[in-house]
Amino acid sequence: MQRHGSAIRAIQWVVVAVYAFLVLVPAVMPLPDNTAHLWSNLTLAAQFVFWGIWWPFVLLSMVMLGRVWCGVLCPEGALTEFASKFGRGWAIPRWMRWGGWPFVAFGLTTIYGQMVSVYQYPKAVLLVLGGSTVGAMIVGVLYGREKRVWCKYLCPVNGVFSLLARLAPFHYKVDEDAWRRSYKDGEHGHRVIPINCAPLVPLRNMKGASDCHMCGRCNGHRDAIALTWRSPSEEVVQLGDKQANAWDTALILYGLLGIAIGAFHWTVSTWFVDLKQVFASWLIDHDILWPLDTNAPWFLFTHYPEQNDVFSWLDGSMVIGYIVVTGVVYGTALLALLALASRMLGRFDATRLHHLTQALIPVAGCGVFLGLSATTVSLLRAEQVPLWWVTDLRLGLLGIANLWSAWLAWRVTSRYAAGRIVSRAGSMVWFIAALAVVDSAWYLMFWGFSR
């Protein structure tokens, strides 16, 4: 990667060009009619690329390769770093360094995307993805110098990518002894040449792969950094207690296993339909009719009358409420079960609870992949592609993710109750109950609501 740095940068700009084309051009084209196909209509093709291929498989790449997407291919990362070369170089403000942004940004972006139907309409894509890209460039212009400040602090999926990258089978490992020797011996026997770590990772103290963008620039630095294979369980089990914090727990439980589930559920939920009918009837009976109006602008709630797809104020409010309530219910139920699992290992300890929560990363990541790939399946089904294999694949992926999470949890319990098999077994009972709660969400989405 170091030898072919110029080629990598050229690839980045090709990705930026393709991304810009797919975001901008469909937004000014007519919406596809019932005769359009993926291979004949740019809008449908762009929808398939973004939501059928790009997002699901970017998430998968985090688990398999670490954050290579961030460091090599992400258009927002390339643009914010490029913009920062010509920026003001202001110091990063304290409010931007707040640890809650990964959770808040993910939650708000997910909810707003559903309000404007970002998976279906190109103008919504331009607003959500294009707005994020503009924000990344503005932050690049204002803060840092040749840095990816946006990626480090404000990117809506930075937290998700950070969690999933902890499962990657390799990372750039720092040899601390070699680093210390470099102060005396230099690098390759010569003076140490400084390098630019764009995502602002403190290289000397870098542990794991959660923050590293895998760009390869630091490989060999001070004869102390090298790409190294590792066990996929290593970072969660060995470093999870040091990385543990409440915001990661919130992102896992209330974000990936809460808000995201609500965002996937509402479109197929019979409960959503029944509740909407109840509220609509109550409003009509009480002669309160304005919530049934469909005059909200498209950038607030979905408004495409030519497609017979228009949200009333009630519809939009119901979407927000359903997602938030689903997030609170699932997140709180999982938090309670994990608290019980943690309590079986000893007196309540927040670090242990946060550490144990990280064992849910595989099943959380798998769920989001399955939810996003539902769009892939829907688009392929519309093209009459045989999909007999989808159910078996979904069950297989959920099975693997559940076993992986259970294995991580068992390994984590050994850190706190080594030799106490009964305590560990009791903890696993509650953890497996948490897995059952997660699985219930995907049972409802793919099988329960369709009955």
Protein backbone atom coordinates (compact mmCIF):
# COMPACT_ATOMS: atom_id res chain seq x y z
CA MET A 1 0.00 0.00 0.00
CA GLN A 2 2.89 2.35 0.65
CA ARG A 3 4.56 1.54 -2.67
CA HIS A 4 1.32 2.08 -4.56
CA GLY A 5 0.09 5.12 -2.67
CA SER A 6 -0.44 7.16 -5.82
CA ALA A 7 -2.57 4.38 -7.33
CA ILE A 8 -4.66 4.22 -4.15
CA ARG A 9 -5.25 7.97 -4.26
CA ALA A 10 -6.29 7.67 -7.91
CA ILE A 11 -8.78 4.95 -6.94
CA GLN A 12 -10.13 7.21 -4.20
CA TRP A 13 -10.90 9.92 -6.71
CA VAL A 14 -12.56 7.43 -9.05
CA VAL A 15 -14.80 6.39 -6.16
CA VAL A 16 -15.52 10.06 -5.41
CA ALA A 17 -16.53 10.64 -9.04
CA VAL A 18 -18.80 7.58 -9.16
CA TYR A 19 -20.31 8.51 -5.79
CA ALA A 20 -21.00 12.09 -6.91
CA PHE A 21 -22.58 10.87 -10.16
CA LEU A 22 -24.89 8.41 -8.39
CA VAL A 23 -25.91 10.97 -5.76
CA LEU A 24 -26.43 13.97 -8.04
CA VAL A 25 -27.75 12.70 -11.37
CA PRO A 26 -30.71 10.53 -10.22
CA ALA A 27 -31.95 13.42 -8.05
CA VAL A 28 -32.72 15.50 -11.16
CA MET A 29 -34.21 12.65 -13.19
CA PRO A 30 -37.86 11.54 -13.27
CA LEU A 31 -38.76 8.81 -10.84
CA PRO A 32 -38.93 5.33 -12.41
CA ASP A 33 -42.29 3.90 -13.49
CA ASN A 34 -43.53 0.34 -13.14
CA THR A 35 -41.74 -0.78 -16.31
CA ALA A 36 -38.26 0.30 -15.18
CA HIS A 37 -35.54 -2.24 -14.46
CA LEU A 38 -32.19 -2.16 -12.65
CA TRP A 39 -30.33 -2.43 -15.94
CA SER A 40 -32.37 0.19 -17.78
CA ASN A 41 -32.99 2.93 -15.19
CA LEU A 42 -30.22 4.93 -13.51
CA THR A 43 -32.33 5.74 -10.45
CA LEU A 44 -33.01 2.07 -9.69
CA ALA A 45 -29.39 1.20 -10.45
CA ALA A 46 -28.17 3.86 -8.02
CA GLN A 47 -30.62 2.62 -5.38
CA PHE A 48 -29.30 -0.90 -5.81
CA VAL A 49 -25.67 0.24 -5.63
CA PHE A 50 -26.14 2.34 -2.49
CA TRP A 51 -28.56 0.25 -0.45
CA GLY A 52 -28.32 -3.16 -2.08
CA ILE A 53 -24.55 -3.48 -2.35
CA TRP A 54 -22.61 -0.59 -0.86
CA TRP A 55 -23.93 -0.31 2.70
CA PRO A 56 -24.44 -4.01 3.50
CA PHE A 57 -21.07 -5.05 2.15
CA VAL A 58 -19.18 -2.10 3.61
CA LEU A 59 -20.38 -3.36 6.99
CA LEU A 60 -19.24 -6.87 6.10
CA SER A 61 -15.84 -5.53 5.03
CA MET A 62 -15.32 -4.04 8.50
CA VAL A 63 -15.50 -7.51 10.04
CA MET A 64 -13.32 -9.13 7.37
CA LEU A 65 -10.74 -6.42 6.65
CA GLY A 66 -11.00 -3.79 9.35
CA ARG A 67 -11.61 -0.20 8.29
CA VAL A 68 -9.98 -0.52 4.88
CA TRP A 69 -13.07 1.10 3.36
CA CYS A 70 -12.48 4.19 5.51
CA GLY A 71 -8.80 4.50 4.67
CA VAL A 72 -8.82 3.54 1.00
CA LEU A 73 -12.26 3.94 -0.60
CA CYS A 74 -14.58 6.19 1.40
CA PRO A 75 -15.41 9.32 -0.63
CA GLU A 76 -16.22 11.41 2.45
CA GLY A 77 -12.88 10.53 4.03
CA ALA A 78 -10.99 11.43 0.87
CA LEU A 79 -12.87 14.73 0.47
CA THR A 80 -12.55 15.88 4.07
CA GLU A 81 -8.81 15.13 4.08
CA PHE A 82 -8.37 16.91 0.74
CA ALA A 83 -10.34 19.95 1.94
CA SER A 84 -8.28 20.14 5.12
CA LYS A 85 -5.11 20.70 3.06
CA PHE A 86 -6.42 24.15 2.17
CA GLY A 87 -8.29 24.85 5.39
CA ARG A 88 -7.90 27.15 8.32
CA GLY A 89 -6.41 24.50 10.59
CA TRP A 90 -8.39 25.55 13.64
CA ALA A 91 -8.02 23.56 16.85
CA ILE A 92 -10.68 20.90 17.31
CA PRO A 93 -13.27 22.32 19.75
CA ARG A 94 -14.28 20.53 22.92
CA TRP A 95 -17.91 20.08 21.84
CA MET A 96 -16.78 18.14 18.78
CA ARG A 97 -14.71 15.77 20.91
CA TRP A 98 -17.79 14.77 22.96
CA GLY A 99 -17.92 10.98 23.22
CA GLY A 100 -21.65 10.73 22.53
CA TRP A 101 -21.57 11.87 18.91
CA PRO A 102 -21.22 8.38 17.38
CA PHE A 103 -24.45 7.28 19.07
CA VAL A 104 -26.36 10.53 18.56
CA ALA A 105 -25.31 10.93 14.92
CA PHE A 106 -26.19 7.30 14.12
CA GLY A 107 -29.59 7.60 15.80
CA LEU A 108 -30.57 10.91 14.21
CA THR A 109 -29.39 9.90 10.74
CA THR A 110 -31.23 6.57 10.93
CA ILE A 111 -34.49 8.16 12.05
CA TYR A 112 -34.31 11.03 9.57
CA GLY A 113 -33.53 8.60 6.74
CA GLN A 114 -36.80 6.80 7.47
CA MET A 115 -38.74 10.07 7.67
CA VAL A 116 -37.75 10.92 4.09
CA SER A 117 -37.57 7.32 2.74
CA VAL A 118 -33.89 7.49 1.90
CA TYR A 119 -33.83 3.89 0.63
CA GLN A 120 -36.41 4.66 -2.05
CA TYR A 121 -35.95 8.19 -3.37
CA PRO A 122 -32.91 9.91 -4.92
CA LYS A 123 -33.71 13.39 -3.56
CA ALA A 124 -33.61 11.93 -0.06
CA VAL A 125 -30.27 10.29 -0.90
CA LEU A 126 -28.93 13.65 -2.07
CA LEU A 127 -30.13 15.28 1.14
CA VAL A 128 -28.82 12.63 3.57
CA LEU A 129 -25.64 11.37 1.90
CA GLY A 130 -24.90 14.61 0.06
CA GLY A 131 -25.51 16.64 3.20
CA SER A 132 -23.15 14.41 5.15
CA THR A 133 -20.48 14.85 2.47
CA VAL A 134 -20.85 18.63 2.48
CA GLY A 135 -20.58 18.58 6.27
CA ALA A 136 -17.40 16.50 6.01
CA MET A 137 -15.84 19.02 3.61
CA ILE A 138 -16.81 22.00 5.76
CA VAL A 139 -15.25 20.39 8.83
CA GLY A 140 -12.17 19.63 6.72
CA VAL A 141 -11.86 23.26 5.70
CA LEU A 142 -12.25 24.58 9.24
CA TYR A 143 -10.38 22.10 11.44
CA GLY A 144 -7.13 20.19 11.39
CA ARG A 145 -4.49 20.13 8.66
CA GLU A 146 -4.48 17.12 6.32
CA LYS A 147 -6.61 15.31 8.90
CA ARG A 148 -9.92 13.47 8.87
CA VAL A 149 -11.54 15.31 11.74
CA TRP A 150 -15.04 14.54 10.44
CA CYS A 151 -14.29 10.81 10.34
CA LYS A 152 -12.84 10.84 13.84
CA TYR A 153 -15.66 12.66 15.60
CA LEU A 154 -18.80 13.35 13.55
CA CYS A 155 -19.25 10.67 10.88
CA PRO A 156 -22.66 9.04 11.53
CA VAL A 157 -21.26 5.53 11.05
CA ASN A 158 -17.86 6.01 12.69
CA GLY A 159 -19.04 4.34 15.89
CA VAL A 160 -20.56 1.39 14.03
CA PHE A 161 -17.41 0.88 11.97
CA SER A 162 -15.29 1.13 15.12
CA LEU A 163 -17.30 -1.63 16.80
CA LEU A 164 -17.28 -3.99 13.84
CA ALA A 165 -13.55 -3.50 13.17
CA ARG A 166 -12.85 -4.99 16.59
CA LEU A 167 -13.73 -8.35 15.06
CA ALA A 168 -11.30 -8.08 12.13
CA PRO A 169 -8.69 -10.88 11.90
CA PHE A 170 -5.70 -8.54 11.58
CA HIS A 171 -4.56 -5.07 12.56
CA TYR A 172 -1.52 -2.81 12.63
CA LYS A 173 0.27 -3.83 15.80
CA VAL A 174 2.68 -1.54 17.65
CA ASP A 175 5.82 -3.04 19.17
CA GLU A 176 6.33 -0.74 22.13
CA ASP A 177 9.89 -1.95 22.78
CA ALA A 178 10.89 -1.23 19.18
CA TRP A 179 9.23 2.19 19.42
CA ARG A 180 11.35 3.05 22.47
CA ARG A 181 14.51 1.81 20.75
CA SER A 182 13.81 4.10 17.82
CA TYR A 183 14.46 7.14 20.01
CA LYS A 184 18.09 6.01 20.12
CA ASP A 185 18.56 3.93 16.96
CA GLY A 186 16.26 5.78 14.57
CA GLU A 187 14.26 4.10 11.81
CA HIS A 188 16.16 1.61 9.59
CA GLY A 189 19.31 3.12 11.08
CA HIS A 190 18.36 6.63 9.93
CA ARG A 191 16.52 9.62 11.32
CA VAL A 192 12.83 8.96 11.95
CA ILE A 193 10.65 10.39 9.18
CA PRO A 194 7.35 11.74 10.55
CA ILE A 195 4.14 10.41 9.05
CA ASN A 196 0.65 11.85 8.85
CA CYS A 197 -2.01 9.74 10.55
CA ALA A 198 -5.10 11.32 9.00
CA PRO A 199 -7.67 9.78 11.41
CA LEU A 200 -5.76 11.18 14.40
CA VAL A 201 -4.82 7.85 15.99
CA PRO A 202 -2.10 8.14 18.66
CA LEU A 203 0.20 5.61 17.01
CA ARG A 204 2.51 4.96 19.93
CA ASN A 205 -0.42 3.88 22.09
CA MET A 206 -2.57 2.33 19.33
CA LYS A 207 -4.30 -0.82 20.51
CA GLY A 208 -6.58 -2.86 18.31
CA ALA A 209 -8.25 -1.88 15.05
CA SER A 210 -11.26 0.15 16.15
CA ASP A 211 -9.83 3.58 15.26
CA CYS A 212 -7.27 2.64 12.59
CA HIS A 213 -8.32 3.29 8.97
CA MET A 214 -5.94 0.61 7.65
CA CYS A 215 -4.44 2.99 5.08
CA GLY A 216 -0.93 1.48 5.51
CA ARG A 217 0.87 4.81 5.85
CA CYS A 218 2.30 3.91 9.25
CA ASN A 219 3.50 0.43 8.35
CA GLY A 220 7.17 0.10 9.38
CA HIS A 221 7.17 3.46 11.17
CA ARG A 222 10.03 3.49 13.71
CA ASP A 223 10.49 -0.21 12.85
CA ALA A 224 7.66 -0.71 15.33
CA ILE A 225 4.37 -0.99 13.37
CA ALA A 226 3.43 -3.95 11.21
CA LEU A 227 0.32 -5.56 9.78
CA THR A 228 -0.32 -8.58 12.00
CA TRP A 229 -2.79 -11.45 12.07
CA ARG A 230 -4.76 -12.00 15.26
CA SER A 231 -7.68 -13.94 16.66
CA PRO A 232 -11.03 -12.29 15.80
CA SER A 233 -11.88 -12.49 19.50
CA GLU A 234 -8.69 -10.81 20.72
CA GLU A 235 -9.75 -7.18 20.78
CA VAL A 236 -13.13 -7.72 22.42
CA VAL A 237 -11.85 -10.19 25.01
CA GLN A 238 -8.40 -8.77 25.82
CA LEU A 239 -8.95 -5.04 25.28
CA GLY A 240 -12.68 -4.74 25.87
CA ASP A 241 -12.33 -3.71 29.51
CA LYS A 242 -9.96 -0.89 28.55
CA GLN A 243 -12.15 0.26 25.65
CA ALA A 244 -15.39 -0.16 27.57
CA ASN A 245 -17.54 2.93 27.96
CA ALA A 246 -21.19 3.85 28.30
CA TRP A 247 -21.48 5.34 24.80
CA ASP A 248 -20.34 2.15 23.11
CA THR A 249 -22.89 0.26 25.18
CA ALA A 250 -25.59 2.74 24.16
CA LEU A 251 -24.64 2.40 20.50
CA ILE A 252 -24.78 -1.41 20.65
CA LEU A 253 -27.96 -1.78 22.71
CA TYR A 254 -30.02 1.29 21.85
CA GLY A 255 -28.52 1.96 18.42
CA LEU A 256 -27.72 -1.21 16.48
CA LEU A 257 -30.08 -3.42 18.51
CA GLY A 258 -32.75 -0.78 19.10
CA ILE A 259 -33.16 2.15 16.75
CA ALA A 260 -31.90 0.19 13.74
CA ILE A 261 -34.38 -2.62 14.44
CA GLY A 262 -37.21 -0.10 14.66
CA ALA A 263 -36.14 1.46 11.36
CA PHE A 264 -36.23 -1.94 9.64
CA HIS A 265 -39.42 -3.11 11.38
CA TRP A 266 -41.95 -0.38 10.79
CA THR A 267 -42.32 -0.97 7.05
CA VAL A 268 -43.46 -4.57 7.60
CA SER A 269 -44.98 -4.30 11.07
CA THR A 270 -48.67 -5.12 11.47
CA TRP A 271 -48.45 -3.45 14.88
CA PHE A 272 -47.53 -0.18 13.17
CA VAL A 273 -50.58 -0.39 10.90
CA ASP A 274 -52.92 -1.26 13.77
CA LEU A 275 -51.63 1.56 15.96
CA LYS A 276 -51.94 4.07 13.12
CA GLN A 277 -55.56 3.06 12.58
CA VAL A 278 -56.28 3.46 16.28
CA PHE A 279 -54.75 6.95 16.40
CA ALA A 280 -56.42 8.01 13.13
CA SER A 281 -59.83 6.87 14.39
CA TRP A 282 -59.34 8.75 17.66
CA LEU A 283 -58.38 11.93 15.81
CA ILE A 284 -61.40 11.70 13.53
CA ASP A 285 -63.76 11.00 16.43
CA HIS A 286 -62.45 14.11 18.18
CA ASP A 287 -62.57 16.23 15.01
CA ILE A 288 -58.79 16.80 15.01
CA LEU A 289 -58.03 16.52 11.31
CA TRP A 290 -54.83 18.46 10.70
CA PRO A 291 -52.53 15.50 11.59
CA LEU A 292 -54.11 13.66 8.64
CA ASP A 293 -53.05 16.38 6.18
CA THR A 294 -50.40 15.43 3.62
CA ASN A 295 -48.83 18.84 3.08
CA ALA A 296 -45.47 18.22 4.73
CA PRO A 297 -42.51 19.04 2.43
CA TRP A 298 -40.52 16.11 1.02
CA PHE A 299 -37.45 17.03 3.04
CA LEU A 300 -39.39 16.62 6.29
CA PHE A 301 -41.64 13.66 5.52
CA THR A 302 -41.95 11.51 2.41
CA HIS A 303 -44.02 13.37 -0.20
CA TYR A 304 -44.18 11.83 -3.67
CA PRO A 305 -47.83 11.96 -4.81
CA GLU A 306 -46.90 10.81 -8.33
CA GLN A 307 -45.76 7.53 -6.71
CA ASN A 308 -48.79 7.37 -4.40
CA ASP A 309 -46.36 7.62 -1.50
CA VAL A 310 -47.18 10.50 0.82
CA PHE A 311 -46.80 10.75 4.60
CA SER A 312 -49.36 12.61 6.61
CA TRP A 313 -48.22 14.35 9.76
CA LEU A 314 -49.60 11.36 11.64
CA ASP A 315 -47.65 8.91 9.45
CA GLY A 316 -44.38 10.75 9.99
CA SER A 317 -44.91 11.10 13.72
CA MET A 318 -45.79 7.42 13.94
CA VAL A 319 -42.57 6.47 12.14
CA ILE A 320 -40.49 8.50 14.59
CA GLY A 321 -42.42 7.22 17.59
CA TYR A 322 -42.29 3.57 16.49
CA ILE A 323 -38.51 3.68 15.93
CA VAL A 324 -37.82 5.47 19.23
CA VAL A 325 -40.12 3.23 21.29
CA THR A 326 -38.69 0.09 19.65
CA GLY A 327 -35.19 1.34 20.44
CA VAL A 328 -36.06 2.03 24.06
CA VAL A 329 -37.87 -1.30 24.58
CA TYR A 330 -35.23 -3.51 22.98
CA GLY A 331 -32.30 -1.54 24.38
CA THR A 332 -33.65 -1.52 27.93
CA ALA A 333 -34.60 -5.22 27.86
CA LEU A 334 -31.11 -6.11 26.67
CA LEU A 335 -29.48 -3.81 29.21
CA ALA A 336 -31.43 -5.48 32.03
CA LEU A 337 -30.48 -8.98 30.88
CA LEU A 338 -26.82 -8.05 30.53
CA ALA A 339 -26.87 -6.41 33.95
CA LEU A 340 -28.13 -9.71 35.38
CA ALA A 341 -25.44 -11.60 33.45
CA SER A 342 -22.80 -9.25 34.83
CA ARG A 343 -24.18 -9.54 38.37
CA MET A 344 -23.70 -13.31 38.27
CA LEU A 345 -19.95 -12.64 38.06
CA GLY A 346 -19.79 -10.51 41.19
CA ARG A 347 -20.85 -7.15 42.57
CA PHE A 348 -22.14 -4.69 40.02
CA ASP A 349 -19.29 -3.21 38.01
CA ALA A 350 -19.98 -0.83 35.11
CA THR A 351 -16.76 -1.76 33.32
CA ARG A 352 -17.67 -5.45 33.39
CA LEU A 353 -21.16 -4.65 32.06
CA HIS A 354 -19.77 -2.56 29.20
CA HIS A 355 -17.20 -5.26 28.45
CA LEU A 356 -19.84 -8.00 28.33
CA THR A 357 -22.01 -5.85 26.05
CA GLN A 358 -19.27 -5.91 23.42
CA ALA A 359 -19.85 -9.64 23.03
CA LEU A 360 -23.09 -8.70 21.24
CA ILE A 361 -21.20 -6.98 18.42
CA PRO A 362 -21.36 -10.00 16.05
CA VAL A 363 -25.13 -10.44 16.36
CA ALA A 364 -25.67 -6.67 16.23
CA GLY A 365 -23.60 -6.32 13.07
CA CYS A 366 -25.28 -9.35 11.50
CA GLY A 367 -28.71 -7.88 12.21
CA VAL A 368 -27.92 -4.58 10.52
CA PHE A 369 -26.47 -6.48 7.55
CA LEU A 370 -29.66 -8.55 7.27
CA GLY A 371 -31.84 -5.46 7.62
CA LEU A 372 -29.99 -3.57 4.91
CA SER A 373 -29.81 -6.60 2.64
CA ALA A 374 -33.62 -6.80 2.79
CA THR A 375 -33.50 -3.93 0.29
CA THR A 376 -31.18 -6.03 -1.86
CA VAL A 377 -33.66 -8.90 -1.75
CA SER A 378 -36.62 -6.64 -2.55
CA LEU A 379 -34.91 -5.16 -5.61
CA LEU A 380 -33.82 -8.57 -6.86
CA ARG A 381 -37.31 -10.01 -6.27
CA ALA A 382 -38.78 -7.22 -8.41
CA GLU A 383 -36.50 -8.40 -11.23
CA GLN A 384 -37.77 -11.99 -10.86
CA VAL A 385 -34.41 -13.29 -9.62
CA PRO A 386 -34.77 -16.72 -7.91
CA LEU A 387 -34.41 -16.18 -4.17
CA TRP A 388 -35.16 -19.61 -2.73
CA TRP A 389 -31.85 -19.52 -0.88
CA VAL A 390 -32.46 -16.32 1.09
CA THR A 391 -34.21 -17.88 4.09
CA ASP A 392 -31.50 -20.48 4.60
CA LEU A 393 -28.80 -17.82 4.25
CA ARG A 394 -30.47 -15.58 6.83
CA LEU A 395 -30.84 -18.44 9.29
CA GLY A 396 -27.24 -19.48 8.70
CA LEU A 397 -25.86 -15.98 9.27
CA LEU A 398 -27.94 -15.51 12.42
CA GLY A 399 -26.78 -18.89 13.70
CA ILE A 400 -23.11 -18.06 13.14
CA ALA A 401 -23.50 -14.61 14.71
CA ASN A 402 -25.24 -16.08 17.77
CA LEU A 403 -22.53 -18.67 18.28
CA TRP A 404 -19.82 -16.03 17.82
CA SER A 405 -21.43 -13.71 20.37
CA ALA A 406 -21.92 -16.56 22.84
CA TRP A 407 -18.26 -17.58 22.44
CA LEU A 408 -17.11 -14.01 23.03
CA ALA A 409 -19.30 -13.77 26.13
CA TRP A 410 -17.89 -17.03 27.49
CA ARG A 411 -14.36 -15.74 26.94
CA VAL A 412 -15.22 -12.40 28.59
CA THR A 413 -16.65 -14.13 31.66
CA SER A 414 -13.31 -15.92 32.08
CA ARG A 415 -11.70 -12.53 32.67
CA TYR A 416 -13.87 -11.96 35.75
CA ALA A 417 -14.67 -15.40 37.12
CA ALA A 418 -11.81 -17.70 36.14
CA GLY A 419 -12.30 -21.07 37.78
CA ARG A 420 -15.88 -20.28 38.85
CA ILE A 421 -17.77 -22.37 36.32
CA VAL A 422 -21.12 -22.04 38.10
CA SER A 423 -20.94 -18.24 38.07
CA ARG A 424 -19.93 -18.21 34.42
CA ALA A 425 -22.70 -20.65 33.50
CA GLY A 426 -25.26 -18.51 35.34
CA SER A 427 -24.02 -15.43 33.49
CA MET A 428 -24.33 -17.24 30.17
CA VAL A 429 -27.97 -18.13 30.88
CA TRP A 430 -28.85 -14.44 30.98
CA PHE A 431 -26.63 -13.66 28.01
CA ILE A 432 -28.33 -16.35 25.92
CA ALA A 433 -31.68 -14.84 26.96
CA ALA A 434 -30.39 -11.54 25.54
CA LEU A 435 -29.53 -13.31 22.28
CA ALA A 436 -33.07 -14.70 22.18
CA VAL A 437 -34.47 -11.18 22.51
CA VAL A 438 -32.31 -10.03 19.59
CA ASP A 439 -33.36 -13.03 17.50
CA SER A 440 -37.03 -12.29 18.18
CA ALA A 441 -36.66 -9.02 16.30
CA TRP A 442 -35.49 -10.75 13.14
CA TYR A 443 -38.08 -13.51 13.50
CA LEU A 444 -40.78 -10.83 13.54
CA MET A 445 -39.34 -8.98 10.57
CA PHE A 446 -38.73 -11.90 8.24
CA TRP A 447 -41.36 -14.40 9.34
CA GLY A 448 -43.67 -13.17 12.12
CA PHE A 449 -45.25 -10.09 10.54
CA SER A 450 -45.70 -11.81 7.17
CA ARG A 451 -47.99 -14.49 8.57
